[in-house]
C-alpha atoms as a PDB file:
ATOM      1  CA  MET A   1      13.286  -2.706  15.422  1.00  0.00           C
ATOM      2  CA  ARG A   2      12.392  -6.370  15.753  1.00  0.00           C
ATOM      3  CA  ILE A   3       8.698  -7.205  16.007  1.00  0.00           C
ATOM      4  CA  LEU A   4       7.062 -10.327  17.412  1.00  0.00           C
ATOM      5  CA  VAL A   5       3.577 -11.169  16.126  1.00  0.00           C
ATOM      6  CA  ALA A   6       1.789 -13.721  18.317  1.00  0.00           C
ATOM      7  CA  THR A   7      -1.217 -15.500  16.845  1.00  0.00           C
ATOM      8  CA  ALA A   8      -3.163 -18.366  18.400  1.00  0.00           C
ATOM      9  CA  VAL A   9      -3.112 -21.057  15.717  1.00  0.00           C
ATOM     10  CA  PRO A  10      -1.153 -21.863  12.544  1.00  0.00           C
ATOM     11  CA  VAL A  11      -3.840 -20.631  10.112  1.00  0.00           C
ATOM     12  CA  GLU A  12      -3.680 -17.191  11.714  1.00  0.00           C
ATOM     13  CA  ARG A  13       0.114 -17.271  11.667  1.00  0.00           C
ATOM     14  CA  ASP A  14       0.069 -18.115   7.971  1.00  0.00           C
ATOM     15  CA  ALA A  15      -2.485 -15.398   7.216  1.00  0.00           C
ATOM     16  CA  VAL A  16      -0.221 -12.778   8.789  1.00  0.00           C
ATOM     17  CA  ALA A  17       2.906 -14.166   7.128  1.00  0.00           C
ATOM     18  CA  ARG A  18       1.247 -13.955   3.684  1.00  0.00           C
ATOM     19  CA  ALA A  19       1.099 -10.177   4.064  1.00  0.00           C
ATOM     20  CA  PHE A  20       4.891  -9.913   3.911  1.00  0.00           C
ATOM     21  CA  THR A  21       5.426 -10.652   0.233  1.00  0.00           C
ATOM     22  CA  GLY A  22       8.024  -7.943  -0.299  1.00  0.00           C
ATOM     23  CA  PRO A  23      10.404  -5.928   1.823  1.00  0.00           C
ATOM     24  CA  ALA A  24       9.125  -6.043   5.381  1.00  0.00           C
ATOM     25  CA  PRO A  25      10.184  -5.030   8.845  1.00  0.00           C
ATOM     26  CA  ASP A  26      12.122  -7.516  10.941  1.00  0.00           C
ATOM     27  CA  VAL A  27       9.079  -9.569  11.932  1.00  0.00           C
ATOM     28  CA  ASP A  28       8.753 -13.016  13.492  1.00  0.00           C
ATOM     29  CA  VAL A  29       5.266 -14.539  13.392  1.00  0.00           C
ATOM     30  CA  VAL A  30       4.491 -17.396  15.799  1.00  0.00           C
ATOM     31  CA  ALA A  31       1.487 -19.506  16.722  1.00  0.00           C
ATOM     32  CA  ALA A  32       1.569 -19.012  20.484  1.00  0.00           C
ATOM     33  CA  GLY A  33      -1.422 -21.192  21.353  1.00  0.00           C
ATOM     34  CA  VAL A  34      -5.059 -20.776  22.345  1.00  0.00           C
ATOM     35  CA  GLY A  35      -6.069 -18.982  25.524  1.00  0.00           C
ATOM     36  CA  PRO A  36      -4.423 -16.332  27.684  1.00  0.00           C
ATOM     37  CA  ALA A  37      -2.242 -18.666  29.738  1.00  0.00           C
ATOM     38  CA  LEU A  38      -0.540 -20.454  26.842  1.00  0.00           C
ATOM     39  CA  ALA A  39      -0.304 -17.227  24.844  1.00  0.00           C
ATOM     40  CA  ALA A  40       1.438 -15.535  27.782  1.00  0.00           C
ATOM     41  CA  ALA A  41       3.848 -18.427  28.329  1.00  0.00           C
ATOM     42  CA  SER A  42       4.765 -18.732  24.652  1.00  0.00           C
ATOM     43  CA  THR A  43       5.179 -14.980  24.187  1.00  0.00           C
ATOM     44  CA  ALA A  44       7.309 -14.683  27.322  1.00  0.00           C
ATOM     45  CA  THR A  45       9.509 -17.539  26.121  1.00  0.00           C
ATOM     46  CA  ALA A  46      10.043 -15.876  22.747  1.00  0.00           C
ATOM     47  CA  LEU A  47      10.833 -12.530  24.352  1.00  0.00           C
ATOM     48  CA  THR A  48      13.287 -14.096  26.783  1.00  0.00           C
ATOM     49  CA  ARG A  49      15.103 -16.025  24.073  1.00  0.00           C
ATOM     50  CA  ALA A  50      15.432 -12.898  21.948  1.00  0.00           C
ATOM     51  CA  ALA A  51      16.749 -10.854  24.855  1.00  0.00           C
ATOM     52  CA  LEU A  52      19.288 -13.523  25.831  1.00  0.00           C
ATOM     53  CA  ALA A  53      20.456 -13.683  22.208  1.00  0.00           C
ATOM     54  CA  GLY A  54      21.119  -9.946  22.251  1.00  0.00           C
ATOM     55  CA  ALA A  55      18.374  -9.194  19.721  1.00  0.00           C
ATOM     56  CA  PRO A  56      15.368  -8.107  21.789  1.00  0.00           C
ATOM     57  CA  TYR A  57      11.988  -7.282  20.303  1.00  0.00           C
ATOM     58  CA  GLY A  58      10.833  -3.670  20.324  1.00  0.00           C
ATOM     59  CA  LEU A  59       7.133  -4.402  19.803  1.00  0.00           C
ATOM     60  CA  VAL A  60       4.749  -7.316  20.347  1.00  0.00           C
ATOM     61  CA  VAL A  61       1.554  -7.646  18.307  1.00  0.00           C
ATOM     62  CA  SER A  62      -1.294  -9.960  19.276  1.00  0.00           C
ATOM     63  CA  ALA A  63      -3.106 -10.811  16.051  1.00  0.00           C
ATOM     64  CA  GLY A  64      -5.802 -13.122  14.814  1.00  0.00           C
ATOM     65  CA  ILE A  65      -9.526 -13.465  14.296  1.00  0.00           C
ATOM     66  CA  GLY A  66     -12.241 -12.950  16.880  1.00  0.00           C
ATOM     67  CA  GLY A  67     -15.842 -12.144  17.575  1.00  0.00           C
ATOM     68  CA  GLY A  68     -17.211  -8.674  16.899  1.00  0.00           C
ATOM     69  CA  PHE A  69     -19.837  -6.745  18.839  1.00  0.00           C
ATOM     70  CA  LEU A  70     -22.546  -5.664  16.401  1.00  0.00           C
ATOM     71  CA  PRO A  71     -23.245  -3.221  14.907  1.00  0.00           C
ATOM     72  CA  HIS A  72     -19.871  -1.540  15.316  1.00  0.00           C
ATOM     73  CA  ALA A  73     -17.633  -4.470  14.349  1.00  0.00           C
ATOM     74  CA  PRO A  74     -19.317  -6.515  11.602  1.00  0.00           C
ATOM     75  CA  VAL A  75     -17.960  -9.719  10.146  1.00  0.00           C
ATOM     76  CA  GLY A  76     -14.973  -9.063   7.905  1.00  0.00           C
ATOM     77  CA  SER A  77     -13.995  -5.811   9.587  1.00  0.00           C
ATOM     78  CA  LEU A  78     -10.779  -5.055  11.453  1.00  0.00           C
ATOM     79  CA  VAL A  79     -10.419  -3.861  15.044  1.00  0.00           C
ATOM     80  CA  VAL A  80      -7.337  -2.328  16.657  1.00  0.00           C
ATOM     81  CA  ALA A  81      -7.317  -2.394  20.451  1.00  0.00           C
ATOM     82  CA  ASP A  82      -6.933   0.866  22.305  1.00  0.00           C
ATOM     83  CA  GLU A  83      -7.537  -1.217  25.427  1.00  0.00           C
ATOM     84  CA  ILE A  84      -6.742  -4.907  26.008  1.00  0.00           C
ATOM     85  CA  THR A  85      -8.891  -6.119  28.892  1.00  0.00           C
ATOM     86  CA  ALA A  86      -9.317  -9.472  30.613  1.00  0.00           C
ATOM     87  CA  ALA A  87     -13.094  -9.540  30.789  1.00  0.00           C
ATOM     88  CA  ASP A  88     -13.542 -12.572  33.023  1.00  0.00           C
ATOM     89  CA  LEU A  89     -10.611 -12.240  35.424  1.00  0.00           C
ATOM     90  CA  GLY A  90     -12.257 -11.749  38.802  1.00  0.00           C
ATOM     91  CA  ALA A  91     -15.059 -13.188  40.896  1.00  0.00           C
ATOM     92  CA  GLU A  92     -18.766 -13.799  40.563  1.00  0.00           C
ATOM     93  CA  THR A  93     -20.721 -12.409  43.504  1.00  0.00           C
ATOM     94  CA  ALA A  94     -24.345 -12.056  44.501  1.00  0.00           C
ATOM     95  CA  ASP A  95     -24.136  -8.516  43.172  1.00  0.00           C
ATOM     96  CA  GLY A  96     -22.560  -9.523  39.887  1.00  0.00           C
ATOM     97  CA  PHE A  97     -19.057  -9.802  38.458  1.00  0.00           C
ATOM     98  CA  VAL A  98     -16.193  -8.105  40.295  1.00  0.00           C
ATOM     99  CA  PRO A  99     -12.903  -7.617  38.386  1.00  0.00           C
ATOM    100  CA  VAL A 100      -9.699  -8.652  40.059  1.00  0.00           C
ATOM    101  CA  THR A 101      -8.643  -5.005  40.458  1.00  0.00           C
ATOM    102  CA  GLU A 102     -11.631  -4.342  42.705  1.00  0.00           C
ATOM    103  CA  LEU A 103     -10.659  -7.384  44.770  1.00  0.00           C
ATOM    104  CA  GLY A 104      -7.448  -5.560  45.574  1.00  0.00           C
ATOM    105  CA  PHE A 105      -4.855  -7.307  43.439  1.00  0.00           C
ATOM    106  CA  GLY A 106      -3.729  -7.723  39.860  1.00  0.00           C
ATOM    107  CA  ALA A 107      -4.617  -5.790  36.746  1.00  0.00           C
ATOM    108  CA  VAL A 108      -7.132  -6.377  33.984  1.00  0.00           C
ATOM    109  CA  THR A 109      -6.174  -3.824  31.335  1.00  0.00           C
ATOM    110  CA  HIS A 110      -3.218  -2.950  29.127  1.00  0.00           C
ATOM    111  CA  ARG A 111      -3.277   0.137  26.914  1.00  0.00           C
ATOM    112  CA  PRO A 112      -1.260   0.054  23.684  1.00  0.00           C
ATOM    113  CA  PRO A 113       0.636   3.209  22.655  1.00  0.00           C
ATOM    114  CA  GLU A 114      -1.907   5.796  21.528  1.00  0.00           C
ATOM    115  CA  ALA A 115       0.028   7.042  18.505  1.00  0.00           C
ATOM    116  CA  LEU A 116       0.557   3.493  17.269  1.00  0.00           C
ATOM    117  CA  VAL A 117      -3.142   2.679  17.658  1.00  0.00           C
ATOM    118  CA  ARG A 118      -4.111   5.793  15.692  1.00  0.00           C
ATOM    119  CA  ALA A 119      -1.611   5.066  12.938  1.00  0.00           C
ATOM    120  CA  ALA A 120      -2.608   1.393  12.691  1.00  0.00           C
ATOM    121  CA  ALA A 121      -6.313   2.226  12.526  1.00  0.00           C
ATOM    122  CA  ALA A 122      -5.758   4.887   9.887  1.00  0.00           C
ATOM    123  CA  ALA A 123      -3.580   2.648   7.733  1.00  0.00           C
ATOM    124  CA  THR A 124      -5.839  -0.403   7.849  1.00  0.00           C
ATOM    125  CA  GLY A 125      -9.275   1.198   8.026  1.00  0.00           C
ATOM    126  CA  ALA A 126      -9.852  -0.542  11.347  1.00  0.00           C
ATOM    127  CA  ARG A 127     -11.986   0.777  14.153  1.00  0.00           C
ATOM    128  CA  ALA A 128     -10.222   1.427  17.452  1.00  0.00           C
ATOM    129  CA  GLY A 129     -11.809   0.244  20.676  1.00  0.00           C
ATOM    130  CA  ALA A 130     -11.526  -2.216  23.506  1.00  0.00           C
ATOM    131  CA  VAL A 131     -10.742  -5.839  22.680  1.00  0.00           C
ATOM    132  CA  LEU A 132     -11.801  -8.201  25.449  1.00  0.00           C
ATOM    133  CA  THR A 133      -9.858 -11.319  26.343  1.00  0.00           C
ATOM    134  CA  VAL A 134     -12.026 -14.211  27.529  1.00  0.00           C
ATOM    135  CA  SER A 135     -11.179 -17.750  28.564  1.00  0.00           C
ATOM    136  CA  THR A 136     -14.625 -18.946  27.488  1.00  0.00           C
ATOM    137  CA  VAL A 137     -15.962 -17.704  24.153  1.00  0.00           C
ATOM    138  CA  THR A 138     -19.324 -15.965  24.447  1.00  0.00           C
ATOM    139  CA  GLY A 139     -22.183 -18.151  23.216  1.00  0.00           C
ATOM    140  CA  THR A 140     -25.362 -16.453  24.423  1.00  0.00           C
ATOM    141  CA  ALA A 141     -27.079 -13.135  23.932  1.00  0.00           C
ATOM    142  CA  ALA A 142     -27.257 -12.677  27.709  1.00  0.00           C
ATOM    143  CA  ARG A 143     -23.500 -12.896  28.167  1.00  0.00           C
ATOM    144  CA  ALA A 144     -22.861 -10.645  25.165  1.00  0.00           C
ATOM    145  CA  ALA A 145     -25.154  -8.034  26.702  1.00  0.00           C
ATOM    146  CA  ALA A 146     -23.446  -8.361  30.085  1.00  0.00           C
ATOM    147  CA  LEU A 147     -20.031  -7.846  28.538  1.00  0.00           C
ATOM    148  CA  ARG A 148     -21.181  -4.783  26.650  1.00  0.00           C
ATOM    149  CA  GLU A 149     -22.730  -3.366  29.811  1.00  0.00           C
ATOM    150  CA  ARG A 150     -19.450  -3.800  31.733  1.00  0.00           C
ATOM    151  CA  HIS A 151     -17.296  -2.711  28.776  1.00  0.00           C
ATOM    152  CA  PRO A 152     -19.263  -0.164  26.692  1.00  0.00           C
ATOM    153  CA  THR A 153     -16.334   0.575  24.353  1.00  0.00           C
ATOM    154  CA  ALA A 154     -15.761  -3.107  23.502  1.00  0.00           C
ATOM    155  CA  LEU A 155     -15.631  -3.885  19.794  1.00  0.00           C
ATOM    156  CA  ALA A 156     -14.364  -7.465  19.825  1.00  0.00           C
ATOM    157  CA  GLU A 157     -13.483 -10.460  21.964  1.00  0.00           C
ATOM    158  CA  ALA A 158     -10.745 -13.044  21.566  1.00  0.00           C
ATOM    159  CA  MET A 159      -8.791 -15.397  23.814  1.00  0.00           C
ATOM    160  CA  GLU A 160      -5.148 -14.332  23.767  1.00  0.00           C
ATOM    161  CA  GLY A 161      -4.596 -10.566  23.810  1.00  0.00           C
ATOM    162  CA  PHE A 162      -4.349 -10.053  27.560  1.00  0.00           C
ATOM    163  CA  GLY A 163      -1.947 -12.972  27.949  1.00  0.00           C
ATOM    164  CA  VAL A 164       0.301 -11.581  25.214  1.00  0.00           C
ATOM    165  CA  ALA A 165       0.109  -8.130  26.793  1.00  0.00           C
ATOM    166  CA  GLU A 166       1.020  -9.484  30.233  1.00  0.00           C
ATOM    167  CA  ALA A 167       4.156 -11.102  28.792  1.00  0.00           C
ATOM    168  CA  ALA A 168       5.070  -7.953  26.882  1.00  0.00           C
ATOM    169  CA  GLY A 169       4.512  -5.832  29.965  1.00  0.00           C
ATOM    170  CA  ALA A 170       6.763  -8.061  32.061  1.00  0.00           C
ATOM    171  CA  HIS A 171       9.515  -7.437  29.498  1.00  0.00           C
ATOM    172  CA  ARG A 172       8.662  -3.721  29.249  1.00  0.00           C
ATOM    173  CA  VAL A 173       7.903  -4.052  25.551  1.00  0.00           C
ATOM    174  CA  PRO A 174       4.919  -2.163  24.067  1.00  0.00           C
ATOM    175  CA  VAL A 175       2.030  -4.208  22.714  1.00  0.00           C
ATOM    176  CA  LEU A 176      -0.595  -3.841  19.981  1.00  0.00           C
ATOM    177  CA  GLU A 177      -3.609  -6.033  19.248  1.00  0.00           C
ATOM    178  CA  ILE A 178      -5.396  -6.326  15.910  1.00  0.00           C
ATOM    179  CA  ARG A 179      -8.360  -8.596  15.197  1.00  0.00           C
ATOM    180  CA  ALA A 180     -10.311  -9.507  12.085  1.00  0.00           C
ATOM    181  CA  VAL A 181     -13.943 -10.274  12.884  1.00  0.00           C
ATOM    182  CA  SER A 182     -15.083 -13.764  11.921  1.00  0.00           C
ATOM    183  CA  ASN A 183     -18.434 -13.888  13.746  1.00  0.00           C
ATOM    184  CA  PRO A 184     -20.775 -11.804  15.871  1.00  0.00           C
ATOM    185  CA  VAL A 185     -20.419 -12.015  19.648  1.00  0.00           C
ATOM    186  CA  GLY A 186     -23.593 -13.682  20.919  1.00  0.00           C
ATOM    187  CA  PRO A 187     -25.522 -16.900  20.352  1.00  0.00           C
ATOM    188  CA  ARG A 188     -23.168 -19.586  19.072  1.00  0.00           C
ATOM    189  CA  ASP A 189     -23.948 -20.244  15.390  1.00  0.00           C
ATOM    190  CA  ARG A 190     -21.166 -22.005  13.505  1.00  0.00           C
ATOM    191  CA  ALA A 191     -23.034 -21.530  10.216  1.00  0.00           C
ATOM    192  CA  ALA A 192     -22.643 -17.762  10.591  1.00  0.00           C
ATOM    193  CA  TRP A 193     -18.870 -17.866  11.019  1.00  0.00           C
ATOM    194  CA  ARG A 194     -16.805 -16.491   8.136  1.00  0.00           C
ATOM    195  CA  ILE A 195     -13.334 -17.626   9.082  1.00  0.00           C
ATOM    196  CA  GLY A 196     -11.981 -17.503   5.534  1.00  0.00           C
ATOM    197  CA  ASP A 197     -13.170 -13.920   5.077  1.00  0.00           C
ATOM    198  CA  ALA A 198     -11.650 -12.917   8.409  1.00  0.00           C
ATOM    199  CA  LEU A 199      -8.297 -14.494   7.588  1.00  0.00           C
ATOM    200  CA  ALA A 200      -8.271 -12.684   4.239  1.00  0.00           C
ATOM    201  CA  ALA A 201      -9.025  -9.412   6.045  1.00  0.00           C
ATOM    202  CA  LEU A 202      -6.188 -10.149   8.468  1.00  0.00           C
ATOM    203  CA  THR A 203      -3.743 -10.643   5.592  1.00  0.00           C
ATOM    204  CA  ALA A 204      -4.890  -7.461   3.869  1.00  0.00           C
ATOM    205  CA  GLY A 205      -4.725  -5.525   7.111  1.00  0.00           C
ATOM    206  CA  PHE A 206      -1.156  -6.548   7.832  1.00  0.00           C
ATOM    207  CA  GLY A 207      -0.175  -5.650   4.290  1.00  0.00           C
ATOM    208  CA  LYS A 208      -1.326  -2.087   4.993  1.00  0.00           C
ATOM    209  CA  LEU A 209       0.167  -2.141   8.483  1.00  0.00           C
ATOM    210  CA  THR A 210       3.723  -2.808   7.311  1.00  0.00           C
ATOM    211  CA  PRO A 211       4.682   0.876   6.738  1.00  0.00           C
ATOM    212  CA  VAL A 212       3.370   1.740  10.202  1.00  0.00           C
ATOM    213  CA  LEU A 213       5.413  -0.993  11.833  1.00  0.00           C
ATOM    214  CA  GLU A 214       8.498   0.057   9.888  1.00  0.00           C
ATOM    215  CA  SER A 215       8.275   3.700  10.921  1.00  0.00           C
ATOM    216  CA  TRP A 216       6.946   3.574  14.506  1.00  0.00           C
ATOM    217  CA  ARG A 217       9.276   3.903  17.454  1.00  0.00           C
ATOM    218  CA  HIS A 218       8.390   3.788  21.130  1.00  0.00           C
ATOM    219  CA  HIS A 219       9.439   7.390  21.699  1.00  0.00           C
ATOM    220  CA  ASP A 220       6.704   8.470  19.261  1.00  0.00           C
ATOM    221  CA  ASP A 221       4.170   8.141  22.136  1.00  0.00           C
END
């Protein structure tokens, strides 16, 4: 089974690629770009090219670093998404935020295969929970609290997962998301970011994930 791993930027791509130092599954790791729109476009392009070449991907993984909701996802920890949700896709109203689903169109959530999520979490020591996709990174305590109120199972936020999942869904390919936490979700404090630690955790996590990716098949769910 061929696997496509979509990261946002080259440093994340390289962190994932470093995990494959020995025999590895048939994996292509790409830097798909920042934000859900570019991530979706780049992932869809890669999936289309592979399908046209007669070598389609059997799994797409959105991977990288992101913010973690304390206390459940501290800096340096890993999170595997059991739910990939676009947290700010909708409308602001006088009564608060309304997701696009409640407006009567679109979708805001993709759910990765349950057996794959369980196996990935067990292999890597990650926690499983919702990973939110946002177009604007959270920078205040008020917004962090609002997101947690709307999404009580959220463990992390990032900017690409939902876009990658939308592309995978359009191609009917299952998706997984894994994030290494580089900073707490909340007030923006660059001094508190631990990007190097998160990238190292991402590399270590993918090293442990390799046997899972090698053995999993879609019919397992």
